[in-house]
C-alpha atoms as a PDB file:
ATOM      1  CA  MET A   1     112.778 133.655  70.757  1.00  0.00           C
ATOM      2  CA  LYS A   2     111.235 137.130  70.893  1.00  0.00           C
ATOM      3  CA  GLU A   3     113.305 140.314  70.657  1.00  0.00           C
ATOM      4  CA  SER A   4     111.632 141.444  73.882  1.00  0.00           C
ATOM      5  CA  SER A   5     113.050 138.494  75.864  1.00  0.00           C
ATOM      6  CA  GLU A   6     115.813 138.911  78.424  1.00  0.00           C
ATOM      7  CA  ASP A   7     117.657 135.933  76.926  1.00  0.00           C
ATOM      8  CA  TYR A   8     117.272 136.992  73.265  1.00  0.00           C
ATOM      9  CA  PRO A   9     120.304 135.458  71.489  1.00  0.00           C
ATOM     10  CA  PHE A  10     121.298 138.359  69.193  1.00  0.00           C
ATOM     11  CA  ILE A  11     122.457 140.970  71.728  1.00  0.00           C
ATOM     12  CA  LEU A  12     125.364 143.047  70.418  1.00  0.00           C
ATOM     13  CA  GLU A  13     126.017 145.164  73.496  1.00  0.00           C
ATOM     14  CA  ARG A  14     124.356 146.025  76.767  1.00  0.00           C
ATOM     15  CA  LEU A  15     124.886 149.756  77.304  1.00  0.00           C
ATOM     16  CA  SER A  16     123.322 150.006  80.772  1.00  0.00           C
ATOM     17  CA  GLU A  17     120.936 148.082  82.998  1.00  0.00           C
ATOM     18  CA  THR A  18     118.039 149.357  80.905  1.00  0.00           C
ATOM     19  CA  VAL A  19     119.451 149.906  77.396  1.00  0.00           C
ATOM     20  CA  ARG A  20     120.884 147.393  74.927  1.00  0.00           C
ATOM     21  CA  VAL A  21     121.582 147.038  71.200  1.00  0.00           C
ATOM     22  CA  ILE A  22     120.438 143.938  69.351  1.00  0.00           C
ATOM     23  CA  GLU A  23     120.351 142.608  65.833  1.00  0.00           C
ATOM     24  CA  CYS A  24     116.740 142.144  64.754  1.00  0.00           C
ATOM     25  CA  ALA A  25     115.346 138.626  64.495  1.00  0.00           C
ATOM     26  CA  ASP A  26     115.173 138.875  60.692  1.00  0.00           C
ATOM     27  CA  HIS A  27     118.812 140.061  60.535  1.00  0.00           C
ATOM     28  CA  HIS A  28     117.984 143.285  58.658  1.00  0.00           C
ATOM     29  CA  GLN A  29     118.925 146.034  61.143  1.00  0.00           C
ATOM     30  CA  TRP A  30     120.240 147.004  64.574  1.00  0.00           C
ATOM     31  CA  ILE A  31     117.761 147.985  67.288  1.00  0.00           C
ATOM     32  CA  VAL A  32     118.197 150.074  70.432  1.00  0.00           C
ATOM     33  CA  GLN A  33     115.966 148.683  73.163  1.00  0.00           C
ATOM     34  CA  ARG A  34     114.985 149.886  76.623  1.00  0.00           C
ATOM     35  CA  PHE A  35     113.842 147.644  79.470  1.00  0.00           C
ATOM     36  CA  VAL A  36     110.374 148.750  80.588  1.00  0.00           C
ATOM     37  CA  GLY A  37     108.184 146.816  82.983  1.00  0.00           C
ATOM     38  CA  ASN A  38     109.157 143.210  82.502  1.00  0.00           C
ATOM     39  CA  ARG A  39     110.400 143.212  78.905  1.00  0.00           C
ATOM     40  CA  TRP A  40     112.689 144.882  76.374  1.00  0.00           C
ATOM     41  CA  ARG A  41     110.967 147.391  74.073  1.00  0.00           C
ATOM     42  CA  SER A  42     112.398 148.445  70.729  1.00  0.00           C
ATOM     43  CA  GLU A  43     112.773 152.214  70.420  1.00  0.00           C
ATOM     44  CA  ALA A  44     115.073 152.999  67.484  1.00  0.00           C
ATOM     45  CA  PHE A  45     116.092 151.114  64.339  1.00  0.00           C
ATOM     46  CA  PHE A  46     119.295 151.530  62.300  1.00  0.00           C
ATOM     47  CA  ARG A  47     121.119 150.349  59.173  1.00  0.00           C
ATOM     48  CA  THR A  48     124.217 152.544  59.592  1.00  0.00           C
ATOM     49  CA  ARG A  49     126.792 152.510  62.396  1.00  0.00           C
ATOM     50  CA  LYS A  50     127.005 156.303  62.374  1.00  0.00           C
ATOM     51  CA  ALA A  51     123.279 156.729  63.062  1.00  0.00           C
ATOM     52  CA  LEU A  52     123.323 153.999  65.722  1.00  0.00           C
ATOM     53  CA  ILE A  53     126.259 155.541  67.578  1.00  0.00           C
ATOM     54  CA  GLY A  54     124.640 158.981  67.286  1.00  0.00           C
ATOM     55  CA  GLU A  55     121.526 157.651  69.027  1.00  0.00           C
ATOM     56  CA  VAL A  56     123.600 156.007  71.764  1.00  0.00           C
ATOM     57  CA  GLN A  57     125.477 159.275  72.362  1.00  0.00           C
ATOM     58  CA  ARG A  58     122.199 161.235  72.363  1.00  0.00           C
ATOM     59  CA  ARG A  59     121.117 159.025  75.249  1.00  0.00           C
ATOM     60  CA  GLY A  60     124.343 159.893  77.118  1.00  0.00           C
ATOM     61  CA  LEU A  61     125.673 156.340  76.846  1.00  0.00           C
ATOM     62  CA  GLU A  62     128.832 154.763  75.481  1.00  0.00           C
ATOM     63  CA  GLY A  63     129.071 151.665  73.353  1.00  0.00           C
ATOM     64  CA  ASP A  64     132.713 150.984  72.585  1.00  0.00           C
ATOM     65  CA  GLY A  65     131.876 147.605  71.060  1.00  0.00           C
ATOM     66  CA  LEU A  66     129.643 149.338  68.510  1.00  0.00           C
ATOM     67  CA  LEU A  67     132.733 150.885  66.923  1.00  0.00           C
ATOM     68  CA  GLU A  68     133.587 147.384  65.683  1.00  0.00           C
ATOM     69  CA  LEU A  69     130.373 147.144  63.664  1.00  0.00           C
ATOM     70  CA  PRO A  70     130.585 147.610  59.890  1.00  0.00           C
ATOM     71  CA  GLU A  71     129.719 151.056  58.501  1.00  0.00           C
ATOM     72  CA  ASN A  72     126.491 149.673  57.019  1.00  0.00           C
ATOM     73  CA  PHE A  73     124.438 146.886  58.551  1.00  0.00           C
ATOM     74  CA  LYS A  74     125.550 143.324  57.950  1.00  0.00           C
ATOM     75  CA  PRO A  75     124.284 140.404  60.042  1.00  0.00           C
ATOM     76  CA  ALA A  76     126.577 139.386  62.883  1.00  0.00           C
ATOM     77  CA  TYR A  77     124.683 136.188  63.711  1.00  0.00           C
ATOM     78  CA  GLU A  78     124.019 133.119  61.665  1.00  0.00           C
ATOM     79  CA  ASP A  79     121.344 131.404  63.728  1.00  0.00           C
ATOM     80  CA  GLY A  80     119.465 131.338  67.015  1.00  0.00           C
ATOM     81  CA  GLN A  81     122.540 130.050  68.816  1.00  0.00           C
ATOM     82  CA  GLY A  82     124.221 133.454  68.653  1.00  0.00           C
ATOM     83  CA  VAL A  83     127.061 132.237  66.446  1.00  0.00           C
ATOM     84  CA  VAL A  84     129.091 135.178  65.147  1.00  0.00           C
ATOM     85  CA  VAL A  85     129.902 134.989  61.440  1.00  0.00           C
ATOM     86  CA  GLN A  86     132.234 137.945  60.851  1.00  0.00           C
ATOM     87  CA  PHE A  87     129.489 140.408  59.859  1.00  0.00           C
ATOM     88  CA  SER A  88     128.875 138.726  56.508  1.00  0.00           C
ATOM     89  CA  ARG A  89     125.629 138.513  54.555  1.00  0.00           C
ATOM     90  CA  VAL A  90     124.404 135.504  52.640  1.00  0.00           C
ATOM     91  CA  THR A  91     122.768 136.789  49.487  1.00  0.00           C
ATOM     92  CA  LYS A  92     120.168 135.255  47.231  1.00  0.00           C
ATOM     93  CA  GLN A  93     121.067 134.604  43.639  1.00  0.00           C
ATOM     94  CA  ASN A  94     121.126 137.886  41.652  1.00  0.00           C
ATOM     95  CA  GLU A  95     120.787 139.964  44.848  1.00  0.00           C
ATOM     96  CA  THR A  96     123.109 142.939  45.237  1.00  0.00           C
ATOM     97  CA  ALA A  97     123.796 145.332  48.083  1.00  0.00           C
ATOM     98  CA  GLU A  98     121.878 147.991  46.137  1.00  0.00           C
ATOM     99  CA  SER A  99     118.709 145.887  46.409  1.00  0.00           C
ATOM    100  CA  TRP A 100     118.856 145.649  50.237  1.00  0.00           C
ATOM    101  CA  PRO A 101     116.346 147.762  52.169  1.00  0.00           C
ATOM    102  CA  ARG A 102     117.547 151.235  53.132  1.00  0.00           C
ATOM    103  CA  LEU A 103     116.302 152.082  56.644  1.00  0.00           C
ATOM    104  CA  GLU A 104     118.152 154.935  58.355  1.00  0.00           C
ATOM    105  CA  ARG A 105     116.013 155.483  61.435  1.00  0.00           C
ATOM    106  CA  LEU A 106     112.455 154.660  62.277  1.00  0.00           C
ATOM    107  CA  SER A 107     110.696 155.318  65.542  1.00  0.00           C
ATOM    108  CA  GLY A 108     108.244 152.964  67.110  1.00  0.00           C
ATOM    109  CA  GLY A 109     107.855 150.054  69.422  1.00  0.00           C
ATOM    110  CA  VAL A 110     107.417 146.334  69.287  1.00  0.00           C
END
């Protein structure tokens, strides 16, 4: 299922009729999306809760559920069924948190 779909399974919170926060399909970051035309378009990408909440506030929106997210990104979903797994990350052998990608904020679209 595409991130741009209305029924994308990894939606964390819908902030308004036209803005939502999702977990990316690869489970590497949170994305703020805006509904434009007939699909959701990715506008901002985050790996820290502080930066994500700052962007939401900059847009004049509130996302109380976002306060429950971990300080640094950890996947909330295990599979395409939208099954919550307590914000844990399955690591590869010899992988450490220090080796995970560090993306604070990127701008761009899908």
